[in-house]
Amino acid sequence: MDLKLTAEHLAMAEVVRDLVASWKQSGADGAARWKSFSEVGLDQALVTEDEGGLGLGLSNLLPALKALGPASDGWPWAATIVAAPVLARQLGLELEAPVGV
């Protein structure tokens, strides 16, 4: 297993850092965060490509998750990225993007 970060991993983390910075600068509320979060595909990152997601593995997503750390102030992004796709798949449910909080 190769755990080296690729240029793609680092680029995704950079996109997320920029996203978090823009939220802080604009004072984005929950709905605005969800919208931009979904626009870059983070809500579907661990969903398989066959199911319409990005098809990433958790290890591929770790740099982006780390970049989301500063936005963790009571906002449930970890559950959305990590738990929701797994639970939906286990329950045989179709996962939809969240609609504002």
PDB file of N, CA and C in Angstrom:
ATOM      1  N   MET A   1       0.841  -1.183   0.000  1.00  0.00           N
ATOM      2  CA  MET A   1       0.000   0.000   0.000  1.00  0.00           C
ATOM      3  C   MET A   1       0.882   1.241   0.000  1.00  0.00           C
ATOM      4  N   ASP A   2       0.649   2.113  -0.953  1.00  0.00           N
ATOM      5  CA  ASP A   2       1.422   3.344  -1.081  1.00  0.00           C
ATOM      6  C   ASP A   2       0.646   4.487  -0.428  1.00  0.00           C
ATOM      7  N   LEU A   3       1.220   5.067   0.610  1.00  0.00           N
ATOM      8  CA  LEU A   3       0.543   6.148   1.332  1.00  0.00           C
ATOM      9  C   LEU A   3       1.104   7.530   1.014  1.00  0.00           C
ATOM     10  N   LYS A   4       1.883   7.624  -0.042  1.00  0.00           N
ATOM     11  CA  LYS A   4       2.425   8.924  -0.443  1.00  0.00           C
ATOM     12  C   LYS A   4       1.305   9.793  -1.004  1.00  0.00           C
ATOM     13  N   LEU A   5       1.374  11.077  -0.690  1.00  0.00           N
ATOM     14  CA  LEU A   5       0.395  12.016  -1.222  1.00  0.00           C
ATOM     15  C   LEU A   5       0.716  12.314  -2.682  1.00  0.00           C
ATOM     16  N   THR A   6      -0.308  12.279  -3.497  1.00  0.00           N
ATOM     17  CA  THR A   6      -0.135  12.579  -4.918  1.00  0.00           C
ATOM     18  C   THR A   6      -0.456  14.049  -5.166  1.00  0.00           C
ATOM     19  N   ALA A   7      -0.159  14.501  -6.354  1.00  0.00           N
ATOM     20  CA  ALA A   7      -0.497  15.874  -6.744  1.00  0.00           C
ATOM     21  C   ALA A   7      -2.009  16.079  -6.683  1.00  0.00           C
ATOM     22  N   GLU A   8      -2.762  15.038  -7.020  1.00  0.00           N
ATOM     23  CA  GLU A   8      -4.232  15.127  -6.968  1.00  0.00           C
ATOM     24  C   GLU A   8      -4.727  15.309  -5.530  1.00  0.00           C
ATOM     25  N   HIS A   9      -4.142  14.566  -4.574  1.00  0.00           N
ATOM     26  CA  HIS A   9      -4.517  14.714  -3.163  1.00  0.00           C
ATOM     27  C   HIS A   9      -4.237  16.130  -2.674  1.00  0.00           C
ATOM     28  N   LEU A  10      -3.053  16.621  -3.023  1.00  0.00           N
ATOM     29  CA  LEU A  10      -2.656  17.959  -2.586  1.00  0.00           C
ATOM     30  C   LEU A  10      -3.515  19.039  -3.234  1.00  0.00           C
ATOM     31  N   ALA A  11      -3.892  18.831  -4.486  1.00  0.00           N
ATOM     32  CA  ALA A  11      -4.750  19.803  -5.173  1.00  0.00           C
ATOM     33  C   ALA A  11      -6.138  19.849  -4.526  1.00  0.00           C
ATOM     34  N   MET A  12      -6.682  18.690  -4.165  1.00  0.00           N
ATOM     35  CA  MET A  12      -7.983  18.669  -3.508  1.00  0.00           C
ATOM     36  C   MET A  12      -7.927  19.357  -2.150  1.00  0.00           C
ATOM     37  N   ALA A  13      -6.854  19.118  -1.413  1.00  0.00           N
ATOM     38  CA  ALA A  13      -6.690  19.779  -0.121  1.00  0.00           C
ATOM     39  C   ALA A  13      -6.609  21.288  -0.292  1.00  0.00           C
ATOM     40  N   GLU A  14      -5.930  21.743  -1.336  1.00  0.00           N
ATOM     41  CA  GLU A  14      -5.820  23.185  -1.601  1.00  0.00           C
ATOM     42  C   GLU A  14      -7.187  23.785  -1.913  1.00  0.00           C
ATOM     43  N   VAL A  15      -7.989  23.083  -2.701  1.00  0.00           N
ATOM     44  CA  VAL A  15      -9.349  23.539  -3.004  1.00  0.00           C
ATOM     45  C   VAL A  15     -10.149  23.679  -1.713  1.00  0.00           C
ATOM     46  N   VAL A  16     -10.017  22.711  -0.833  1.00  0.00           N
ATOM     47  CA  VAL A  16     -10.758  22.738   0.434  1.00  0.00           C
ATOM     48  C   VAL A  16     -10.259  23.868   1.333  1.00  0.00           C
ATOM     49  N   ARG A  17      -8.946  24.059   1.398  1.00  0.00           N
ATOM     50  CA  ARG A  17      -8.415  25.183   2.197  1.00  0.00           C
ATOM     51  C   ARG A  17      -8.960  26.514   1.683  1.00  0.00           C
ATOM     52  N   ASP A  18      -8.994  26.679   0.357  1.00  0.00           N
ATOM     53  CA  ASP A  18      -9.539  27.911  -0.228  1.00  0.00           C
ATOM     54  C   ASP A  18     -11.014  28.057   0.104  1.00  0.00           C
ATOM     55  N   LEU A  19     -11.741  26.951   0.076  1.00  0.00           N
ATOM     56  CA  LEU A  19     -13.170  26.961   0.394  1.00  0.00           C
ATOM     57  C   LEU A  19     -13.393  27.404   1.838  1.00  0.00           C
ATOM     58  N   VAL A  20     -12.648  26.813   2.756  1.00  0.00           N
ATOM     59  CA  VAL A  20     -12.767  27.170   4.176  1.00  0.00           C
ATOM     60  C   VAL A  20     -12.407  28.632   4.394  1.00  0.00           C
ATOM     61  N   ALA A  21     -11.358  29.105   3.724  1.00  0.00           N
ATOM     62  CA  ALA A  21     -10.960  30.516   3.843  1.00  0.00           C
ATOM     63  C   ALA A  21     -12.066  31.432   3.333  1.00  0.00           C
ATOM     64  N   SER A  22     -12.707  31.037   2.241  1.00  0.00           N
ATOM     65  CA  SER A  22     -13.786  31.873   1.699  1.00  0.00           C
ATOM     66  C   SER A  22     -14.981  31.902   2.656  1.00  0.00           C
ATOM     67  N   TRP A  23     -15.247  30.786   3.343  1.00  0.00           N
ATOM     68  CA  TRP A  23     -16.334  30.760   4.326  1.00  0.00           C
ATOM     69  C   TRP A  23     -16.047  31.723   5.465  1.00  0.00           C
ATOM     70  N   LYS A  24     -14.806  31.700   5.941  1.00  0.00           N
ATOM     71  CA  LYS A  24     -14.440  32.582   7.051  1.00  0.00           C
ATOM     72  C   LYS A  24     -14.503  34.042   6.627  1.00  0.00           C
ATOM     73  N   GLN A  25     -14.010  34.325   5.422  1.00  0.00           N
ATOM     74  CA  GLN A  25     -13.991  35.697   4.936  1.00  0.00           C
ATOM     75  C   GLN A  25     -15.398  36.239   4.717  1.00  0.00           C
ATOM     76  N   SER A  26     -16.283  35.418   4.191  1.00  0.00           N
ATOM     77  CA  SER A  26     -17.637  35.882   3.875  1.00  0.00           C
ATOM     78  C   SER A  26     -18.627  35.693   5.016  1.00  0.00           C
ATOM     79  N   GLY A  27     -18.218  34.946   6.053  1.00  0.00           N
ATOM     80  CA  GLY A  27     -19.153  34.657   7.145  1.00  0.00           C
ATOM     81  C   GLY A  27     -20.261  33.723   6.694  1.00  0.00           C
ATOM     82  N   ALA A  28     -19.945  32.805   5.785  1.00  0.00           N
ATOM     83  CA  ALA A  28     -20.940  31.904   5.197  1.00  0.00           C
ATOM     84  C   ALA A  28     -21.721  31.147   6.267  1.00  0.00           C
ATOM     85  N   ASP A  29     -23.034  31.108   6.079  1.00  0.00           N
ATOM     86  CA  ASP A  29     -23.884  30.343   6.986  1.00  0.00           C
ATOM     87  C   ASP A  29     -23.928  28.879   6.544  1.00  0.00           C
ATOM     88  N   GLY A  30     -24.671  28.062   7.264  1.00  0.00           N
ATOM     89  CA  GLY A  30     -24.750  26.640   6.963  1.00  0.00           C
ATOM     90  C   GLY A  30     -25.199  26.337   5.550  1.00  0.00           C
ATOM     91  N   ALA A  31     -26.215  27.041   5.065  1.00  0.00           N
ATOM     92  CA  ALA A  31     -26.731  26.785   3.713  1.00  0.00           C
ATOM     93  C   ALA A  31     -25.677  27.099   2.654  1.00  0.00           C
ATOM     94  N   ALA A  32     -24.964  28.206   2.825  1.00  0.00           N
ATOM     95  CA  ALA A  32     -23.921  28.580   1.863  1.00  0.00           C
ATOM     96  C   ALA A  32     -22.771  27.581   1.903  1.00  0.00           C
ATOM     97  N   ARG A  33     -22.444  27.109   3.099  1.00  0.00           N
ATOM     98  CA  ARG A  33     -21.378  26.111   3.209  1.00  0.00           C
ATOM     99  C   ARG A  33     -21.774  24.820   2.489  1.00  0.00           C
ATOM    100  N   TRP A  34     -23.007  24.345   2.744  1.00  0.00           N
ATOM    101  CA  TRP A  34     -23.455  23.107   2.093  1.00  0.00           C
ATOM    102  C   TRP A  34     -23.431  23.254   0.573  1.00  0.00           C
ATOM    103  N   LYS A  35     -23.860  24.410   0.087  1.00  0.00           N
ATOM    104  CA  LYS A  35     -23.922  24.621  -1.363  1.00  0.00           C
ATOM    105  C   LYS A  35     -22.522  24.520  -1.975  1.00  0.00           C
ATOM    106  N   SER A  36     -21.569  25.239  -1.422  1.00  0.00           N
ATOM    107  CA  SER A  36     -20.219  25.211  -1.985  1.00  0.00           C
ATOM    108  C   SER A  36     -19.541  23.863  -1.736  1.00  0.00           C
ATOM    109  N   PHE A  37     -19.829  23.241  -0.622  1.00  0.00           N
ATOM    110  CA  PHE A  37     -19.323  21.909  -0.280  1.00  0.00           C
ATOM    111  C   PHE A  37     -19.758  20.913  -1.345  1.00  0.00           C
ATOM    112  N   SER A  38     -21.019  21.008  -1.734  1.00  0.00           N
ATOM    113  CA  SER A  38     -21.585  20.115  -2.750  1.00  0.00           C
ATOM    114  C   SER A  38     -21.049  20.440  -4.137  1.00  0.00           C
ATOM    115  N   GLU A  39     -20.852  21.723  -4.427  1.00  0.00           N
ATOM    116  CA  GLU A  39     -20.350  22.132  -5.745  1.00  0.00           C
ATOM    117  C   GLU A  39     -18.987  21.534  -6.066  1.00  0.00           C
ATOM    118  N   VAL A  40     -18.154  21.347  -5.043  1.00  0.00           N
ATOM    119  CA  VAL A  40     -16.839  20.746  -5.286  1.00  0.00           C
ATOM    120  C   VAL A  40     -16.865  19.231  -5.125  1.00  0.00           C
ATOM    121  N   GLY A  41     -18.028  18.675  -4.817  1.00  0.00           N
ATOM    122  CA  GLY A  41     -18.199  17.223  -4.771  1.00  0.00           C
ATOM    123  C   GLY A  41     -17.850  16.549  -3.467  1.00  0.00           C
ATOM    124  N   LEU A  42     -17.595  17.322  -2.417  1.00  0.00           N
ATOM    125  CA  LEU A  42     -17.191  16.706  -1.162  1.00  0.00           C
ATOM    126  C   LEU A  42     -18.289  15.866  -0.519  1.00  0.00           C
ATOM    127  N   ASP A  43     -19.532  16.228  -0.744  1.00  0.00           N
ATOM    128  CA  ASP A  43     -20.623  15.451  -0.156  1.00  0.00           C
ATOM    129  C   ASP A  43     -20.761  14.072  -0.790  1.00  0.00           C
ATOM    130  N   GLN A  44     -20.155  13.890  -1.961  1.00  0.00           N
ATOM    131  CA  GLN A  44     -20.220  12.619  -2.680  1.00  0.00           C
ATOM    132  C   GLN A  44     -18.840  11.999  -2.880  1.00  0.00           C
ATOM    133  N   ALA A  45     -17.856  12.446  -2.115  1.00  0.00           N
ATOM    134  CA  ALA A  45     -16.473  12.003  -2.314  1.00  0.00           C
ATOM    135  C   ALA A  45     -16.284  10.503  -2.130  1.00  0.00           C
ATOM    136  N   LEU A  46     -16.926   9.909  -1.142  1.00  0.00           N
ATOM    137  CA  LEU A  46     -16.750   8.483  -0.875  1.00  0.00           C
ATOM    138  C   LEU A  46     -17.816   7.620  -1.533  1.00  0.00           C
ATOM    139  N   VAL A  47     -18.718   8.238  -2.257  1.00  0.00           N
ATOM    140  CA  VAL A  47     -19.741   7.493  -2.995  1.00  0.00           C
ATOM    141  C   VAL A  47     -19.078   6.978  -4.272  1.00  0.00           C
ATOM    142  N   THR A  48     -19.369   5.741  -4.650  1.00  0.00           N
ATOM    143  CA  THR A  48     -18.729   5.159  -5.835  1.00  0.00           C
ATOM    144  C   THR A  48     -19.094   5.946  -7.095  1.00  0.00           C
ATOM    145  N   GLU A  49     -18.248   5.859  -8.094  1.00  0.00           N
ATOM    146  CA  GLU A  49     -18.518   6.534  -9.366  1.00  0.00           C
ATOM    147  C   GLU A  49     -19.784   5.974 -10.011  1.00  0.00           C
ATOM    148  N   ASP A  50     -20.019   4.674  -9.865  1.00  0.00           N
ATOM    149  CA  ASP A  50     -21.236   4.054 -10.409  1.00  0.00           C
ATOM    150  C   ASP A  50     -22.495   4.656  -9.808  1.00  0.00           C
ATOM    151  N   GLU A  51     -22.371   5.155  -8.576  1.00  0.00           N
ATOM    152  CA  GLU A  51     -23.507   5.751  -7.880  1.00  0.00           C
ATOM    153  C   GLU A  51     -23.532   7.277  -8.015  1.00  0.00           C
ATOM    154  N   GLY A  52     -22.664   7.818  -8.868  1.00  0.00           N
ATOM    155  CA  GLY A  52     -22.658   9.254  -9.118  1.00  0.00           C
ATOM    156  C   GLY A  52     -21.699  10.064  -8.263  1.00  0.00           C
ATOM    157  N   GLY A  53     -20.853   9.398  -7.491  1.00  0.00           N
ATOM    158  CA  GLY A  53     -19.911  10.114  -6.630  1.00  0.00           C
ATOM    159  C   GLY A  53     -18.534  10.219  -7.243  1.00  0.00           C
ATOM    160  N   LEU A  54     -17.564  10.647  -6.417  1.00  0.00           N
ATOM    161  CA  LEU A  54     -16.188  10.779  -6.874  1.00  0.00           C
ATOM    162  C   LEU A  54     -15.436   9.460  -6.800  1.00  0.00           C
ATOM    163  N   GLY A  55     -15.928   8.524  -5.993  1.00  0.00           N
ATOM    164  CA  GLY A  55     -15.301   7.211  -5.899  1.00  0.00           C
ATOM    165  C   GLY A  55     -13.951   7.200  -5.213  1.00  0.00           C
ATOM    166  N   LEU A  56     -13.734   8.135  -4.308  1.00  0.00           N
ATOM    167  CA  LEU A  56     -12.456   8.186  -3.594  1.00  0.00           C
ATOM    168  C   LEU A  56     -12.464   7.217  -2.424  1.00  0.00           C
ATOM    169  N   GLY A  57     -11.280   6.764  -2.041  1.00  0.00           N
ATOM    170  CA  GLY A  57     -11.124   6.011  -0.810  1.00  0.00           C
ATOM    171  C   GLY A  57     -10.844   6.992   0.314  1.00  0.00           C
ATOM    172  N   LEU A  58     -11.044   6.550   1.533  1.00  0.00           N
ATOM    173  CA  LEU A  58     -10.820   7.431   2.673  1.00  0.00           C
ATOM    174  C   LEU A  58      -9.376   7.933   2.719  1.00  0.00           C
ATOM    175  N   SER A  59      -8.422   7.070   2.387  1.00  0.00           N
ATOM    176  CA  SER A  59      -7.022   7.512   2.417  1.00  0.00           C
ATOM    177  C   SER A  59      -6.757   8.604   1.376  1.00  0.00           C
ATOM    178  N   ASN A  60      -7.481   8.571   0.238  1.00  0.00           N
ATOM    179  CA  ASN A  60      -7.330   9.616  -0.780  1.00  0.00           C
ATOM    180  C   ASN A  60      -7.905  10.944  -0.315  1.00  0.00           C
ATOM    181  N   LEU A  61      -8.864  10.869   0.587  1.00  0.00           N
ATOM    182  CA  LEU A  61      -9.581  12.057   1.029  1.00  0.00           C
ATOM    183  C   LEU A  61      -8.971  12.703   2.277  1.00  0.00           C
ATOM    184  N   LEU A  62      -8.059  12.012   2.944  1.00  0.00           N
ATOM    185  CA  LEU A  62      -7.526  12.519   4.211  1.00  0.00           C
ATOM    186  C   LEU A  62      -6.942  13.931   4.149  1.00  0.00           C
ATOM    187  N   PRO A  63      -6.164  14.298   3.136  1.00  0.00           N
ATOM    188  CA  PRO A  63      -5.662  15.678   3.103  1.00  0.00           C
ATOM    189  C   PRO A  63      -6.796  16.711   3.048  1.00  0.00           C
ATOM    190  N   ALA A  64      -7.858  16.404   2.323  1.00  0.00           N
ATOM    191  CA  ALA A  64      -8.997  17.319   2.249  1.00  0.00           C
ATOM    192  C   ALA A  64      -9.725  17.385   3.589  1.00  0.00           C
ATOM    193  N   LEU A  65      -9.855  16.237   4.260  1.00  0.00           N
ATOM    194  CA  LEU A  65     -10.499  16.222   5.578  1.00  0.00           C
ATOM    195  C   LEU A  65      -9.710  17.053   6.575  1.00  0.00           C
ATOM    196  N   LYS A  66      -8.388  16.939   6.506  1.00  0.00           N
ATOM    197  CA  LYS A  66      -7.533  17.735   7.391  1.00  0.00           C
ATOM    198  C   LYS A  66      -7.730  19.225   7.115  1.00  0.00           C
ATOM    199  N   ALA A  67      -7.859  19.579   5.847  1.00  0.00           N
ATOM    200  CA  ALA A  67      -8.060  20.985   5.479  1.00  0.00           C
ATOM    201  C   ALA A  67      -9.406  21.513   5.968  1.00  0.00           C
ATOM    202  N   LEU A  68     -10.375  20.618   6.178  1.00  0.00           N
ATOM    203  CA  LEU A  68     -11.682  21.040   6.683  1.00  0.00           C
ATOM    204  C   LEU A  68     -11.671  21.304   8.183  1.00  0.00           C
ATOM    205  N   GLY A  69     -10.610  20.885   8.855  1.00  0.00           N
ATOM    206  CA  GLY A  69     -10.516  21.048  10.303  1.00  0.00           C
ATOM    207  C   GLY A  69     -10.919  22.414  10.829  1.00  0.00           C
ATOM    208  N   PRO A  70     -10.409  23.515  10.241  1.00  0.00           N
ATOM    209  CA  PRO A  70     -10.777  24.838  10.750  1.00  0.00           C
ATOM    210  C   PRO A  70     -12.274  25.164  10.628  1.00  0.00           C
ATOM    211  N   ALA A  71     -13.012  24.373   9.834  1.00  0.00           N
ATOM    212  CA  ALA A  71     -14.446  24.628   9.663  1.00  0.00           C
ATOM    213  C   ALA A  71     -15.282  23.702  10.534  1.00  0.00           C
ATOM    214  N   SER A  72     -14.653  23.068  11.514  1.00  0.00           N
ATOM    215  CA  SER A  72     -15.354  22.046  12.287  1.00  0.00           C
ATOM    216  C   SER A  72     -16.141  22.595  13.465  1.00  0.00           C
ATOM    217  N   ASP A  73     -16.362  23.862  13.515  1.00  0.00           N
ATOM    218  CA  ASP A  73     -17.057  24.501  14.623  1.00  0.00           C
ATOM    219  C   ASP A  73     -18.566  24.230  14.611  1.00  0.00           C
ATOM    220  N   GLY A  74     -18.941  23.024  15.018  1.00  0.00           N
ATOM    221  CA  GLY A  74     -20.355  22.692  15.121  1.00  0.00           C
ATOM    222  C   GLY A  74     -21.027  22.403  13.801  1.00  0.00           C
ATOM    223  N   TRP A  75     -20.257  22.198  12.763  1.00  0.00           N
ATOM    224  CA  TRP A  75     -20.813  21.929  11.449  1.00  0.00           C
ATOM    225  C   TRP A  75     -20.539  20.471  11.096  1.00  0.00           C
ATOM    226  N   PRO A  76     -21.549  19.659  10.792  1.00  0.00           N
ATOM    227  CA  PRO A  76     -21.393  18.207  10.681  1.00  0.00           C
ATOM    228  C   PRO A  76     -20.819  17.693   9.367  1.00  0.00           C
ATOM    229  N   TRP A  77     -19.720  18.259   8.906  1.00  0.00           N
ATOM    230  CA  TRP A  77     -19.153  17.821   7.631  1.00  0.00           C
ATOM    231  C   TRP A  77     -18.611  16.406   7.685  1.00  0.00           C
ATOM    232  N   ALA A  78     -18.046  16.006   8.818  1.00  0.00           N
ATOM    233  CA  ALA A  78     -17.471  14.653   8.893  1.00  0.00           C
ATOM    234  C   ALA A  78     -18.542  13.592   8.714  1.00  0.00           C
ATOM    235  N   ALA A  79     -19.681  13.781   9.336  1.00  0.00           N
ATOM    236  CA  ALA A  79     -20.772  12.812   9.183  1.00  0.00           C
ATOM    237  C   ALA A  79     -21.260  12.775   7.744  1.00  0.00           C
ATOM    238  N   THR A  80     -21.281  13.926   7.102  1.00  0.00           N
ATOM    239  CA  THR A  80     -21.744  13.989   5.717  1.00  0.00           C
ATOM    240  C   THR A  80     -20.790  13.276   4.772  1.00  0.00           C
ATOM    241  N   ILE A  81     -19.502  13.509   4.937  1.00  0.00           N
ATOM    242  CA  ILE A  81     -18.526  12.914   4.030  1.00  0.00           C
ATOM    243  C   ILE A  81     -18.298  11.438   4.318  1.00  0.00           C
ATOM    244  N   VAL A  82     -18.093  11.113   5.575  1.00  0.00           N
ATOM    245  CA  VAL A  82     -17.655   9.770   5.926  1.00  0.00           C
ATOM    246  C   VAL A  82     -18.812   8.828   6.232  1.00  0.00           C
ATOM    247  N   ALA A  83     -19.691   9.216   7.139  1.00  0.00           N
ATOM    248  CA  ALA A  83     -20.714   8.280   7.603  1.00  0.00           C
ATOM    249  C   ALA A  83     -21.900   8.131   6.658  1.00  0.00           C
ATOM    250  N   ALA A  84     -22.375   9.222   6.100  1.00  0.00           N
ATOM    251  CA  ALA A  84     -23.594   9.157   5.285  1.00  0.00           C
ATOM    252  C   ALA A  84     -23.489   8.203   4.097  1.00  0.00           C
ATOM    253  N   PRO A  85     -22.423   8.257   3.285  1.00  0.00           N
ATOM    254  CA  PRO A  85     -22.349   7.319   2.156  1.00  0.00           C
ATOM    255  C   PRO A  85     -22.307   5.856   2.587  1.00  0.00           C
ATOM    256  N   VAL A  86     -21.582   5.589   3.664  1.00  0.00           N
ATOM    257  CA  VAL A  86     -21.478   4.211   4.146  1.00  0.00           C
ATOM    258  C   VAL A  86     -22.825   3.720   4.649  1.00  0.00           C
ATOM    259  N   LEU A  87     -23.493   4.530   5.458  1.00  0.00           N
ATOM    260  CA  LEU A  87     -24.802   4.141   5.989  1.00  0.00           C
ATOM    261  C   LEU A  87     -25.843   3.993   4.882  1.00  0.00           C
ATOM    262  N   ALA A  88     -25.844   4.921   3.949  1.00  0.00           N
ATOM    263  CA  ALA A  88     -26.811   4.845   2.847  1.00  0.00           C
ATOM    264  C   ALA A  88     -26.612   3.568   2.046  1.00  0.00           C
ATOM    265  N   ARG A  89     -25.361   3.246   1.757  1.00  0.00           N
ATOM    266  CA  ARG A  89     -25.069   2.036   0.992  1.00  0.00           C
ATOM    267  C   ARG A  89     -25.522   0.796   1.753  1.00  0.00           C
ATOM    268  N   GLN A  90     -25.254   0.764   3.053  1.00  0.00           N
ATOM    269  CA  GLN A  90     -25.631  -0.383   3.869  1.00  0.00           C
ATOM    270  C   GLN A  90     -27.149  -0.540   3.954  1.00  0.00           C
ATOM    271  N   LEU A  91     -27.852   0.576   3.927  1.00  0.00           N
ATOM    272  CA  LEU A  91     -29.309   0.549   4.017  1.00  0.00           C
ATOM    273  C   LEU A  91     -29.985   0.466   2.655  1.00  0.00           C
ATOM    274  N   GLY A  92     -29.177   0.497   1.592  1.00  0.00           N
ATOM    275  CA  GLY A  92     -29.737   0.433   0.246  1.00  0.00           C
ATOM    276  C   GLY A  92     -30.466   1.697  -0.154  1.00  0.00           C
ATOM    277  N   LEU A  93     -30.068   2.834   0.426  1.00  0.00           N
ATOM    278  CA  LEU A  93     -30.721   4.110   0.152  1.00  0.00           C
ATOM    279  C   LEU A  93     -29.938   4.898  -0.884  1.00  0.00           C
ATOM    280  N   GLU A  94     -30.622   5.760  -1.594  1.00  0.00           N
ATOM    281  CA  GLU A  94     -29.975   6.668  -2.523  1.00  0.00           C
ATOM    282  C   GLU A  94     -29.599   7.918  -1.753  1.00  0.00           C
ATOM    283  N   LEU A  95     -28.370   8.336  -1.853  1.00  0.00           N
ATOM    284  CA  LEU A  95     -27.876   9.482  -1.093  1.00  0.00           C
ATOM    285  C   LEU A  95     -28.059  10.754  -1.896  1.00  0.00           C
ATOM    286  N   GLU A  96     -28.687  11.739  -1.293  1.00  0.00           N
ATOM    287  CA  GLU A  96     -28.877  13.042  -1.937  1.00  0.00           C
ATOM    288  C   GLU A  96     -28.041  14.076  -1.204  1.00  0.00           C
ATOM    289  N   ALA A  97     -27.662  15.112  -1.917  1.00  0.00           N
ATOM    290  CA  ALA A  97     -26.901  16.192  -1.307  1.00  0.00           C
ATOM    291  C   ALA A  97     -27.763  16.891  -0.268  1.00  0.00           C
ATOM    292  N   PRO A  98     -27.163  17.317   0.862  1.00  0.00           N
ATOM    293  CA  PRO A  98     -27.921  18.018   1.893  1.00  0.00           C
ATOM    294  C   PRO A  98     -28.441  19.358   1.397  1.00  0.00           C
ATOM    295  N   VAL A  99     -29.564  19.770   1.944  1.00  0.00           N
ATOM    296  CA  VAL A  99     -30.163  21.043   1.563  1.00  0.00           C
ATOM    297  C   VAL A  99     -30.134  21.969   2.764  1.00  0.00           C
ATOM    298  N   GLY A 100     -29.115  22.801   2.870  1.00  0.00           N
ATOM    299  CA  GLY A 100     -29.022  23.789   3.926  1.00  0.00           C
ATOM    300  C   GLY A 100     -29.262  23.258   5.327  1.00  0.00           C
ATOM    301  N   VAL A 101     -28.783  23.976   6.285  1.00  0.00           N
ATOM    302  CA  VAL A 101     -28.947  23.579   7.677  1.00  0.00           C
ATOM    303  C   VAL A 101     -29.637  24.694   8.405  1.00  0.00           C
TER     304      VAL A 101
END
